[in-house]
Amino acid sequence: MAKTLEFEVVESSFGSARVRAVAKDEFLNGVDIAHGGFLFAAADFASALAANAGGGTAISSAASINYLAPCPKGETILAVASMPYCDGRSALCDVSIASESSGKVFAIFQSRLIFKK
């Protein structure tokens, strides 16, 4: 899916990741702003990169997103992930989705991850 949505991995290390994407015409909703699923997918991908960069395998067990502002057509976004909690069995990952140029935040995402043994 990340390839289809043309997500670019900017940074990926255990506990953090940055993903760049562009809100192209095909990723817009009926009112010409970035579709919520596009923003959710970018955040979910950043979360997965942050959790799996250490060589282990983590899967999401829950995720939520708060949309704070409309993301306009053509906007380049950065999904920036960080893991404020990790005990080796589970983790929480926070992702901010913002304009790369202005820093305006469009959404905040949080996921809970479970590490496979």
C-alpha atoms as a PDB file:
ATOM      1  CA  MET A   1       0.000   0.000   0.000  1.00  0.00           C
ATOM      2  CA  ALA A   2       2.860   2.384   0.800  1.00  0.00           C
ATOM      3  CA  LYS A   3       4.121   1.965  -2.776  1.00  0.00           C
ATOM      4  CA  THR A   4       0.670   2.587  -4.238  1.00  0.00           C
ATOM      5  CA  LEU A   5       0.268   5.764  -2.175  1.00  0.00           C
ATOM      6  CA  GLU A   6       3.854   6.766  -3.066  1.00  0.00           C
ATOM      7  CA  PHE A   7       5.072   7.145   0.520  1.00  0.00           C
ATOM      8  CA  GLU A   8       8.750   8.043   0.847  1.00  0.00           C
ATOM      9  CA  VAL A   9      10.746   6.859   3.857  1.00  0.00           C
ATOM     10  CA  VAL A  10      12.776   9.849   5.038  1.00  0.00           C
ATOM     11  CA  GLU A  11      14.066   8.265   8.251  1.00  0.00           C
ATOM     12  CA  SER A  12      13.574   4.934   9.976  1.00  0.00           C
ATOM     13  CA  SER A  13      15.181   3.771  13.196  1.00  0.00           C
ATOM     14  CA  PHE A  14      13.817   1.890  16.157  1.00  0.00           C
ATOM     15  CA  GLY A  15      11.546   4.275  18.033  1.00  0.00           C
ATOM     16  CA  SER A  16      11.232   6.928  15.337  1.00  0.00           C
ATOM     17  CA  ALA A  17      10.411   7.383  11.668  1.00  0.00           C
ATOM     18  CA  ARG A  18       9.547  10.083   9.157  1.00  0.00           C
ATOM     19  CA  VAL A  19       7.443   9.511   6.039  1.00  0.00           C
ATOM     20  CA  ARG A  20       6.837  12.041   3.249  1.00  0.00           C
ATOM     21  CA  ALA A  21       3.802  11.975   0.954  1.00  0.00           C
ATOM     22  CA  VAL A  22       1.955  14.286  -1.412  1.00  0.00           C
ATOM     23  CA  ALA A  23      -1.829  14.772  -1.357  1.00  0.00           C
ATOM     24  CA  LYS A  24      -2.252  14.156  -5.085  1.00  0.00           C
ATOM     25  CA  ASP A  25      -5.595  14.378  -6.904  1.00  0.00           C
ATOM     26  CA  GLU A  26      -6.198  10.634  -6.637  1.00  0.00           C
ATOM     27  CA  PHE A  27      -5.830  10.814  -2.824  1.00  0.00           C
ATOM     28  CA  LEU A  28      -8.512  13.482  -2.280  1.00  0.00           C
ATOM     29  CA  ASN A  29     -12.042  13.122  -0.991  1.00  0.00           C
ATOM     30  CA  GLY A  30     -15.245  14.607  -2.417  1.00  0.00           C
ATOM     31  CA  VAL A  31     -14.494  18.116  -1.138  1.00  0.00           C
ATOM     32  CA  ASP A  32     -10.960  18.251  -2.638  1.00  0.00           C
ATOM     33  CA  ILE A  33      -8.922  17.777   0.536  1.00  0.00           C
ATOM     34  CA  ALA A  34      -6.724  14.808   1.459  1.00  0.00           C
ATOM     35  CA  HIS A  35      -8.852  11.764   2.257  1.00  0.00           C
ATOM     36  CA  GLY A  36      -8.711  10.710   5.907  1.00  0.00           C
ATOM     37  CA  GLY A  37      -7.685   7.209   4.842  1.00  0.00           C
ATOM     38  CA  PHE A  38      -4.633   8.641   3.045  1.00  0.00           C
ATOM     39  CA  LEU A  39      -3.525  10.484   6.203  1.00  0.00           C
ATOM     40  CA  PHE A  40      -4.270   7.445   8.395  1.00  0.00           C
ATOM     41  CA  ALA A  41      -2.265   5.181   6.074  1.00  0.00           C
ATOM     42  CA  ALA A  42       0.751   7.538   6.151  1.00  0.00           C
ATOM     43  CA  ALA A  43       0.669   7.601   9.956  1.00  0.00           C
ATOM     44  CA  ASP A  44       0.202   3.841  10.226  1.00  0.00           C
ATOM     45  CA  PHE A  45       3.167   3.281   7.898  1.00  0.00           C
ATOM     46  CA  ALA A  46       5.375   5.629   9.950  1.00  0.00           C
ATOM     47  CA  SER A  47       4.315   3.795  13.129  1.00  0.00           C
ATOM     48  CA  ALA A  48       5.174   0.419  11.581  1.00  0.00           C
ATOM     49  CA  LEU A  49       8.589   1.672  10.474  1.00  0.00           C
ATOM     50  CA  ALA A  50       9.385   2.986  13.962  1.00  0.00           C
ATOM     51  CA  ALA A  51       8.350  -0.279  15.619  1.00  0.00           C
ATOM     52  CA  ASN A  52       9.953  -2.705  13.169  1.00  0.00           C
ATOM     53  CA  ALA A  53      13.263  -0.949  12.425  1.00  0.00           C
ATOM     54  CA  GLY A  54      14.963  -2.780  15.295  1.00  0.00           C
ATOM     55  CA  GLY A  55      14.699  -6.138  13.560  1.00  0.00           C
ATOM     56  CA  GLY A  56      11.723  -7.446  15.530  1.00  0.00           C
ATOM     57  CA  THR A  57       8.170  -7.824  14.316  1.00  0.00           C
ATOM     58  CA  ALA A  58       5.411  -5.626  15.670  1.00  0.00           C
ATOM     59  CA  ILE A  59       1.778  -5.431  14.622  1.00  0.00           C
ATOM     60  CA  SER A  60      -0.853  -2.845  15.509  1.00  0.00           C
ATOM     61  CA  SER A  61      -3.485  -3.920  17.980  1.00  0.00           C
ATOM     62  CA  ALA A  62      -5.283  -0.554  18.047  1.00  0.00           C
ATOM     63  CA  ALA A  63      -5.038   2.824  16.374  1.00  0.00           C
ATOM     64  CA  SER A  64      -6.857   6.144  16.442  1.00  0.00           C
ATOM     65  CA  ILE A  65      -6.554   9.471  14.698  1.00  0.00           C
ATOM     66  CA  ASN A  66      -7.771  12.990  15.372  1.00  0.00           C
ATOM     67  CA  TYR A  67      -8.142  15.169  12.285  1.00  0.00           C
ATOM     68  CA  LEU A  68      -7.355  18.742  13.283  1.00  0.00           C
ATOM     69  CA  ALA A  69      -7.314  20.703  10.007  1.00  0.00           C
ATOM     70  CA  PRO A  70      -8.000  19.987   6.345  1.00  0.00           C
ATOM     71  CA  CYS A  71      -4.968  18.968   4.308  1.00  0.00           C
ATOM     72  CA  PRO A  72      -5.155  20.769   0.942  1.00  0.00           C
ATOM     73  CA  LYS A  73      -4.640  19.303  -2.495  1.00  0.00           C
ATOM     74  CA  GLY A  74      -0.980  19.206  -3.495  1.00  0.00           C
ATOM     75  CA  GLU A  75       0.318  19.508   0.082  1.00  0.00           C
ATOM     76  CA  THR A  76       3.494  17.618   0.948  1.00  0.00           C
ATOM     77  CA  ILE A  77       3.057  16.065   4.371  1.00  0.00           C
ATOM     78  CA  LEU A  78       5.459  14.563   6.874  1.00  0.00           C
ATOM     79  CA  ALA A  79       4.257  11.821   9.202  1.00  0.00           C
ATOM     80  CA  VAL A  80       6.660  11.895  12.157  1.00  0.00           C
ATOM     81  CA  ALA A  81       6.522   8.907  14.505  1.00  0.00           C
ATOM     82  CA  SER A  82       7.951   8.492  18.003  1.00  0.00           C
ATOM     83  CA  MET A  83       7.501   5.772  20.618  1.00  0.00           C
ATOM     84  CA  PRO A  84       7.063   7.261  24.096  1.00  0.00           C
ATOM     85  CA  TYR A  85       6.525   3.791  25.606  1.00  0.00           C
ATOM     86  CA  CYS A  86       8.039   0.392  24.842  1.00  0.00           C
ATOM     87  CA  ASP A  87       8.560  -2.514  27.226  1.00  0.00           C
ATOM     88  CA  GLY A  88       9.657  -5.119  24.688  1.00  0.00           C
ATOM     89  CA  ARG A  89       6.224  -6.753  24.540  1.00  0.00           C
ATOM     90  CA  SER A  90       4.110  -3.755  23.573  1.00  0.00           C
ATOM     91  CA  ALA A  91       4.544  -0.114  22.660  1.00  0.00           C
ATOM     92  CA  LEU A  92       2.670   3.104  22.027  1.00  0.00           C
ATOM     93  CA  CYS A  93       3.534   5.163  18.985  1.00  0.00           C
ATOM     94  CA  ASP A  94       2.540   8.799  18.449  1.00  0.00           C
ATOM     95  CA  VAL A  95       2.512  10.242  14.928  1.00  0.00           C
ATOM     96  CA  SER A  96       2.073  13.877  13.957  1.00  0.00           C
ATOM     97  CA  ILE A  97       1.001  14.559  10.369  1.00  0.00           C
ATOM     98  CA  ALA A  98       1.940  18.064   9.283  1.00  0.00           C
ATOM     99  CA  SER A  99       2.775  20.239   6.294  1.00  0.00           C
ATOM    100  CA  GLU A 100       6.414  19.823   5.349  1.00  0.00           C
ATOM    101  CA  SER A 101       6.688  23.512   4.410  1.00  0.00           C
ATOM    102  CA  SER A 102       4.691  25.311   7.114  1.00  0.00           C
ATOM    103  CA  GLY A 103       4.585  22.772   9.942  1.00  0.00           C
ATOM    104  CA  LYS A 104       0.801  23.123  10.213  1.00  0.00           C
ATOM    105  CA  VAL A 105      -0.539  19.982  11.914  1.00  0.00           C
ATOM    106  CA  PHE A 106      -3.357  18.210  10.076  1.00  0.00           C
ATOM    107  CA  ALA A 107      -3.776  15.169  12.328  1.00  0.00           C
ATOM    108  CA  ILE A 108      -2.453  13.327  15.389  1.00  0.00           C
ATOM    109  CA  PHE A 109      -2.392   9.512  15.344  1.00  0.00           C
ATOM    110  CA  GLN A 110      -1.645   6.989  18.086  1.00  0.00           C
ATOM    111  CA  SER A 111      -1.194   3.249  17.799  1.00  0.00           C
ATOM    112  CA  ARG A 112      -0.670   0.416  20.224  1.00  0.00           C
ATOM    113  CA  LEU A 113       1.728  -2.228  18.995  1.00  0.00           C
ATOM    114  CA  ILE A 114       2.333  -5.812  20.062  1.00  0.00           C
ATOM    115  CA  PHE A 115       5.738  -7.420  19.453  1.00  0.00           C
ATOM    116  CA  LYS A 116       5.723 -11.018  18.210  1.00  0.00           C
ATOM    117  CA  LYS A 117       8.070 -13.354  20.059  1.00  0.00           C
END
